[in-house]
Amino acid sequence: MSAIQPQSIPSKPFPWSAPMFKASSFWLATTLILAACSLTAAAELPDAPQPATLQAATTPAPAPPPAAATATIDAGPCIVEPNQPTVPLTFHIRTVCLVHRTFTIGAIVSPAIGAAVEMARPPDHYPREWKDGAEAFGRNYGDRAARHAASGLANFTIAAIDREDPRYHASANPEFAHRVFHALIFSVVDQSQSGHRTLALSNFAGASAAGFVGIAYLPHGYNDVTHGYQHSATEFVSFAGQNLISEFYPEFVRLAHKLHLPTPKP
């Protein structure tokens, strides 16, 4: 039995007639022309408007208004505020501080208050001429004024000799407790003319002068060394009180403005 031999099938060409060729060529040319026209029209179109969110993102934000300048409080020549340029110490500033602390309205009113308190509660066995009547008030007022003047003059003299700075240098720390501590310790350790810490010899001298000046005129039994030391301690405490007033002077000024009161002087 003989094997069956496969017969090859002759391939026939695709019947590409002339009408079909013309139609295909026309369709291809039309497609290319329309595509070219579309690209040209798209290139000539204006840019589309951006969304509002994109415009807001690309538009620069307006600059914030300048912050209002904080009003500075003039504390006078005898207080040096932190972070402020320090005026060089001169003899004129020393003299201004002496007059400001010793011979101003405060130096007139303070002895009057002290004399009134002294007469309201006089010491035991105080002579009548020191506790009754207008003359007694005058004696007590003169005693307080003499102490204050002696303290100021001694403070000024010793500070000029050992080159202490008589001005109060406020604390740079804004915390309340630190400011109180700074004011109290500044009555013992202040600042020299060169800007270094130094022992406040002028305060010790002023307190001693205030304490012992009364030995010359106080009644018997109250013009001794014991009372002199007591008066010196009282005067030294007043230095610490003055430092506290100077330290919190800006707050006192703001409170006075809020209550529509005259501005206090340090």
Protein backbone atom coordinates (compact mmCIF):
# COMPACT_ATOMS: atom_id res chain seq x y z
CA MET A 1 0.00 0.00 0.00
CA SER A 2 1.60 3.14 -1.06
CA ALA A 3 1.70 6.33 1.19
CA ILE A 4 -0.45 9.22 0.29
CA GLN A 5 1.67 12.15 -0.81
CA PRO A 6 0.47 15.63 0.39
CA GLN A 7 -0.42 17.93 -2.36
CA SER A 8 0.65 21.60 -2.18
CA ILE A 9 -2.12 24.14 -2.60
CA PRO A 10 -1.02 27.00 -4.79
CA SER A 11 -1.43 30.49 -3.14
CA LYS A 12 -3.65 32.94 -4.87
CA PRO A 13 -2.90 36.69 -4.76
CA PHE A 14 -5.32 39.00 -2.83
CA PRO A 15 -7.80 40.27 -5.29
CA TRP A 16 -6.69 43.94 -5.02
CA SER A 17 -8.82 45.56 -7.60
CA ALA A 18 -8.38 49.06 -8.85
CA PRO A 19 -11.57 50.42 -7.24
CA MET A 20 -10.56 49.09 -3.79
CA PHE A 21 -7.09 50.61 -4.12
CA LYS A 22 -8.49 53.98 -4.98
CA ALA A 23 -10.95 53.88 -2.03
CA SER A 24 -8.23 52.93 0.48
CA SER A 25 -5.91 55.63 -0.78
CA PHE A 26 -8.65 58.24 -0.50
CA TRP A 27 -9.49 57.15 3.10
CA LEU A 28 -5.83 57.27 4.20
CA ALA A 29 -5.24 60.69 2.67
CA THR A 30 -8.40 62.05 4.30
CA THR A 31 -7.33 60.75 7.73
CA LEU A 32 -3.88 62.33 7.46
CA ILE A 33 -5.34 65.68 6.41
CA LEU A 34 -7.82 65.73 9.29
CA ALA A 35 -5.10 64.86 11.80
CA ALA A 36 -2.85 67.65 10.49
CA CYS A 37 -5.71 70.14 10.69
CA SER A 38 -6.49 69.12 14.29
CA LEU A 39 -2.88 69.60 15.41
CA THR A 40 -2.69 73.01 13.75
CA ALA A 41 -5.94 74.17 15.37
CA ALA A 42 -4.83 72.96 18.80
CA ALA A 43 -1.58 74.88 18.50
CA GLU A 44 -3.43 78.09 17.64
CA LEU A 45 -5.94 77.87 20.56
CA PRO A 46 -5.37 80.28 23.54
CA ASP A 47 -4.33 78.89 26.94
CA ALA A 48 -7.20 77.57 28.98
CA PRO A 49 -7.96 79.48 32.21
CA GLN A 50 -6.50 77.90 35.36
CA PRO A 51 -8.74 76.76 38.18
CA ALA A 52 -9.19 79.12 41.10
CA THR A 53 -7.25 76.85 43.44
CA LEU A 54 -4.25 76.80 41.11
CA GLN A 55 -4.36 80.57 40.72
CA ALA A 56 -4.47 81.00 44.49
CA ALA A 57 -1.51 78.68 44.85
CA THR A 58 0.59 80.47 42.25
CA THR A 59 -0.39 84.00 43.28
CA PRO A 60 2.04 85.33 45.92
CA ALA A 61 0.43 86.06 49.28
CA PRO A 62 0.32 89.73 50.29
CA ALA A 63 2.95 90.78 52.77
CA PRO A 64 1.70 90.94 56.37
CA PRO A 65 1.25 94.43 57.79
CA PRO A 66 4.17 95.62 59.88
CA ALA A 67 3.81 94.90 63.56
CA ALA A 68 2.97 97.87 65.71
CA ALA A 69 5.98 99.19 67.52
CA THR A 70 5.90 98.56 71.25
CA ALA A 71 5.90 101.82 73.10
CA THR A 72 9.05 102.14 75.17
CA ILE A 73 8.84 103.56 78.66
CA ASP A 74 11.40 106.16 79.62
CA ALA A 75 12.67 105.04 83.01
CA GLY A 76 14.91 108.05 83.42
CA PRO A 77 18.70 108.31 83.61
CA CYS A 78 19.01 106.32 86.86
CA ILE A 79 17.59 103.02 85.54
CA VAL A 80 19.33 100.97 82.84
CA GLU A 81 16.86 98.72 81.03
CA PRO A 82 18.04 95.34 79.66
CA ASN A 83 18.72 94.97 75.94
CA GLN A 84 18.99 98.73 75.57
CA PRO A 85 22.09 100.75 74.69
CA THR A 86 23.73 101.92 77.90
CA VAL A 87 24.59 105.59 78.15
CA PRO A 88 28.18 106.03 79.38
CA LEU A 89 28.32 107.07 83.02
CA THR A 90 29.40 110.65 83.56
CA PHE A 91 29.66 112.96 86.55
CA HIS A 92 26.55 114.71 85.30
CA ILE A 93 24.56 111.46 85.48
CA ARG A 94 25.92 110.82 88.98
CA THR A 95 24.72 114.25 90.07
CA VAL A 96 21.31 113.79 88.44
CA CYS A 97 20.83 110.48 90.29
CA LEU A 98 21.85 112.13 93.58
CA VAL A 99 19.35 114.96 93.14
CA HIS A 100 16.66 112.63 91.86
CA ARG A 101 16.87 110.29 94.85
CA THR A 102 17.63 112.80 97.59
CA PHE A 103 16.01 116.15 96.83
CA THR A 104 12.90 115.44 94.75
CA ILE A 105 9.23 115.35 95.76
CA GLY A 106 9.65 111.80 97.05
CA ALA A 107 12.37 112.96 99.42
CA ILE A 108 9.93 115.55 100.76
CA VAL A 109 6.87 113.33 101.13
CA SER A 110 8.60 110.22 102.47
CA PRO A 111 9.95 111.89 105.68
CA ALA A 112 6.49 113.34 106.34
CA ILE A 113 4.92 109.89 106.18
CA GLY A 114 7.65 108.47 108.41
CA ALA A 115 7.20 111.27 110.95
CA ALA A 116 3.43 110.71 111.05
CA VAL A 117 3.92 106.98 111.68
CA GLU A 118 6.52 107.75 114.37
CA MET A 119 4.10 110.03 116.21
CA ALA A 120 1.21 107.61 115.86
CA ARG A 121 3.23 104.90 117.60
CA PRO A 122 6.08 106.67 119.46
CA PRO A 123 8.83 104.64 121.14
CA ASP A 124 8.63 103.94 124.84
CA HIS A 125 9.79 106.75 127.13
CA TYR A 126 9.99 109.17 124.21
CA PRO A 127 10.05 112.80 125.46
CA ARG A 128 6.84 114.74 125.02
CA GLU A 129 8.47 117.33 122.76
CA TRP A 130 9.12 114.46 120.29
CA LYS A 131 5.63 112.94 120.27
CA ASP A 132 3.00 115.66 120.82
CA GLY A 133 2.10 118.70 118.73
CA ALA A 134 3.38 120.41 115.63
CA GLU A 135 6.84 120.93 117.06
CA ALA A 136 7.16 117.21 117.64
CA PHE A 137 6.11 116.57 114.07
CA GLY A 138 8.76 119.04 112.89
CA ARG A 139 11.46 117.29 114.93
CA ASN A 140 10.54 113.86 113.60
CA TYR A 141 10.27 115.21 110.07
CA GLY A 142 13.70 116.83 110.36
CA ASP A 143 15.15 113.57 111.69
CA ARG A 144 13.84 111.58 108.73
CA ALA A 145 14.92 114.21 106.22
CA ALA A 146 18.41 114.37 107.76
CA ARG A 147 18.77 110.60 107.55
CA HIS A 148 17.69 110.59 103.91
CA ALA A 149 20.03 113.42 102.94
CA ALA A 150 22.98 111.91 104.80
CA SER A 151 22.36 108.57 103.12
CA GLY A 152 22.22 110.12 99.65
CA LEU A 153 25.35 112.22 100.09
CA ALA A 154 27.38 109.34 101.54
CA ASN A 155 26.18 107.02 98.80
CA PHE A 156 27.15 109.55 96.13
CA THR A 157 30.61 110.19 97.64
CA ILE A 158 31.64 106.55 98.10
CA ALA A 159 30.29 105.53 94.69
CA ALA A 160 32.38 108.25 93.05
CA ILE A 161 35.50 107.20 94.99
CA ASP A 162 35.35 103.46 94.27
CA ARG A 163 33.84 104.01 90.79
CA GLU A 164 30.50 102.31 91.37
CA ASP A 165 27.68 102.87 88.93
CA PRO A 166 24.87 104.53 90.96
CA ARG A 167 22.24 103.52 88.39
CA TYR A 168 20.01 100.49 88.83
CA HIS A 169 20.54 97.84 86.15
CA ALA A 170 17.28 95.95 85.64
CA SER A 171 17.16 92.19 85.23
CA ALA A 172 17.15 90.67 81.75
CA ASN A 173 15.17 87.64 82.99
CA PRO A 174 11.40 88.22 82.64
CA GLU A 175 10.45 85.79 85.42
CA PHE A 176 8.90 87.48 88.46
CA ALA A 177 10.85 85.55 91.11
CA HIS A 178 14.15 86.16 89.34
CA ARG A 179 13.45 89.87 89.06
CA VAL A 180 12.64 90.12 92.77
CA PHE A 181 15.82 88.25 93.69
CA HIS A 182 17.86 90.44 91.34
CA ALA A 183 16.49 93.63 92.89
CA LEU A 184 17.20 92.45 96.44
CA ILE A 185 20.72 91.19 95.74
CA PHE A 186 21.56 94.36 93.79
CA SER A 187 21.45 96.31 97.05
CA VAL A 188 24.43 94.23 98.24
CA VAL A 189 26.29 93.54 94.98
CA ASP A 190 25.84 96.21 92.31
CA GLN A 191 27.81 97.16 89.19
CA SER A 192 31.01 99.08 88.72
CA GLN A 193 31.59 101.84 86.22
CA SER A 194 33.40 99.34 83.97
CA GLY A 195 30.41 96.98 83.97
CA HIS A 196 31.67 94.35 86.45
CA ARG A 197 29.98 93.10 89.59
CA THR A 198 31.25 94.73 92.77
CA LEU A 199 30.36 95.02 96.44
CA ALA A 200 27.90 97.87 96.98
CA LEU A 201 30.08 99.80 99.44
CA SER A 202 28.15 102.98 98.66
CA ASN A 203 24.93 101.43 100.02
CA PHE A 204 26.66 100.32 103.23
CA ALA A 205 28.13 103.82 103.62
CA GLY A 206 24.77 105.47 102.98
CA ALA A 207 23.00 103.23 105.47
CA SER A 208 25.67 103.90 108.12
CA ALA A 209 25.46 107.66 107.60
CA ALA A 210 21.67 107.56 107.89
CA GLY A 211 21.85 105.47 111.05
CA PHE A 212 24.39 107.47 112.99
CA VAL A 213 23.59 111.03 111.95
CA GLY A 214 20.87 111.13 114.63
CA ILE A 215 23.38 110.75 117.45
CA ALA A 216 23.93 114.50 117.21
CA TYR A 217 20.32 115.53 118.02
CA LEU A 218 18.06 112.60 119.06
CA PRO A 219 16.86 112.59 122.71
CA HIS A 220 18.84 110.86 125.40
CA GLY A 221 18.52 107.10 125.29
CA TYR A 222 17.91 107.10 121.51
CA ASN A 223 21.21 108.58 120.38
CA ASP A 224 23.35 105.56 121.14
CA VAL A 225 25.10 102.99 118.96
CA THR A 226 22.30 100.43 119.28
CA HIS A 227 19.72 102.80 117.81
CA GLY A 228 22.27 103.83 115.22
CA TYR A 229 22.52 100.26 113.98
CA GLN A 230 18.75 99.93 113.97
CA HIS A 231 18.35 103.04 111.85
CA SER A 232 21.13 101.82 109.52
CA ALA A 233 19.31 98.54 108.98
CA THR A 234 16.09 100.42 108.22
CA GLU A 235 17.88 102.57 105.64
CA PHE A 236 19.48 99.54 104.03
CA VAL A 237 16.07 97.91 103.66
CA SER A 238 14.90 101.09 101.95
CA PHE A 239 17.64 100.56 99.31
CA ALA A 240 16.18 97.14 98.54
CA GLY A 241 12.70 98.66 98.34
CA GLN A 242 13.93 101.33 95.94
CA ASN A 243 15.47 98.62 93.77
CA LEU A 244 12.16 96.76 93.66
CA ILE A 245 10.38 99.94 92.56
CA SER A 246 12.99 100.51 89.87
CA GLU A 247 12.80 96.89 88.68
CA PHE A 248 9.03 96.94 88.24
CA TYR A 249 8.79 100.57 87.16
CA PRO A 250 7.43 99.71 83.66
CA GLU A 251 4.58 97.74 85.26
CA PHE A 252 3.79 100.65 87.59
CA VAL A 253 3.64 103.01 84.62
CA ARG A 254 1.29 100.74 82.65
CA LEU A 255 -0.98 100.38 85.70
CA ALA A 256 -1.04 104.15 86.17
CA HIS A 257 -1.98 104.65 82.51
CA LYS A 258 -4.72 102.05 82.81
CA LEU A 259 -6.18 103.79 85.87
CA HIS A 260 -5.66 107.26 84.32
CA LEU A 261 -3.30 108.27 87.11
CA PRO A 262 -0.20 110.47 86.89
CA THR A 263 2.90 108.57 85.85
CA PRO A 264 5.05 107.76 88.91
CA LYS A 265 8.73 108.48 88.88
CA PRO A 266 11.21 105.81 90.02
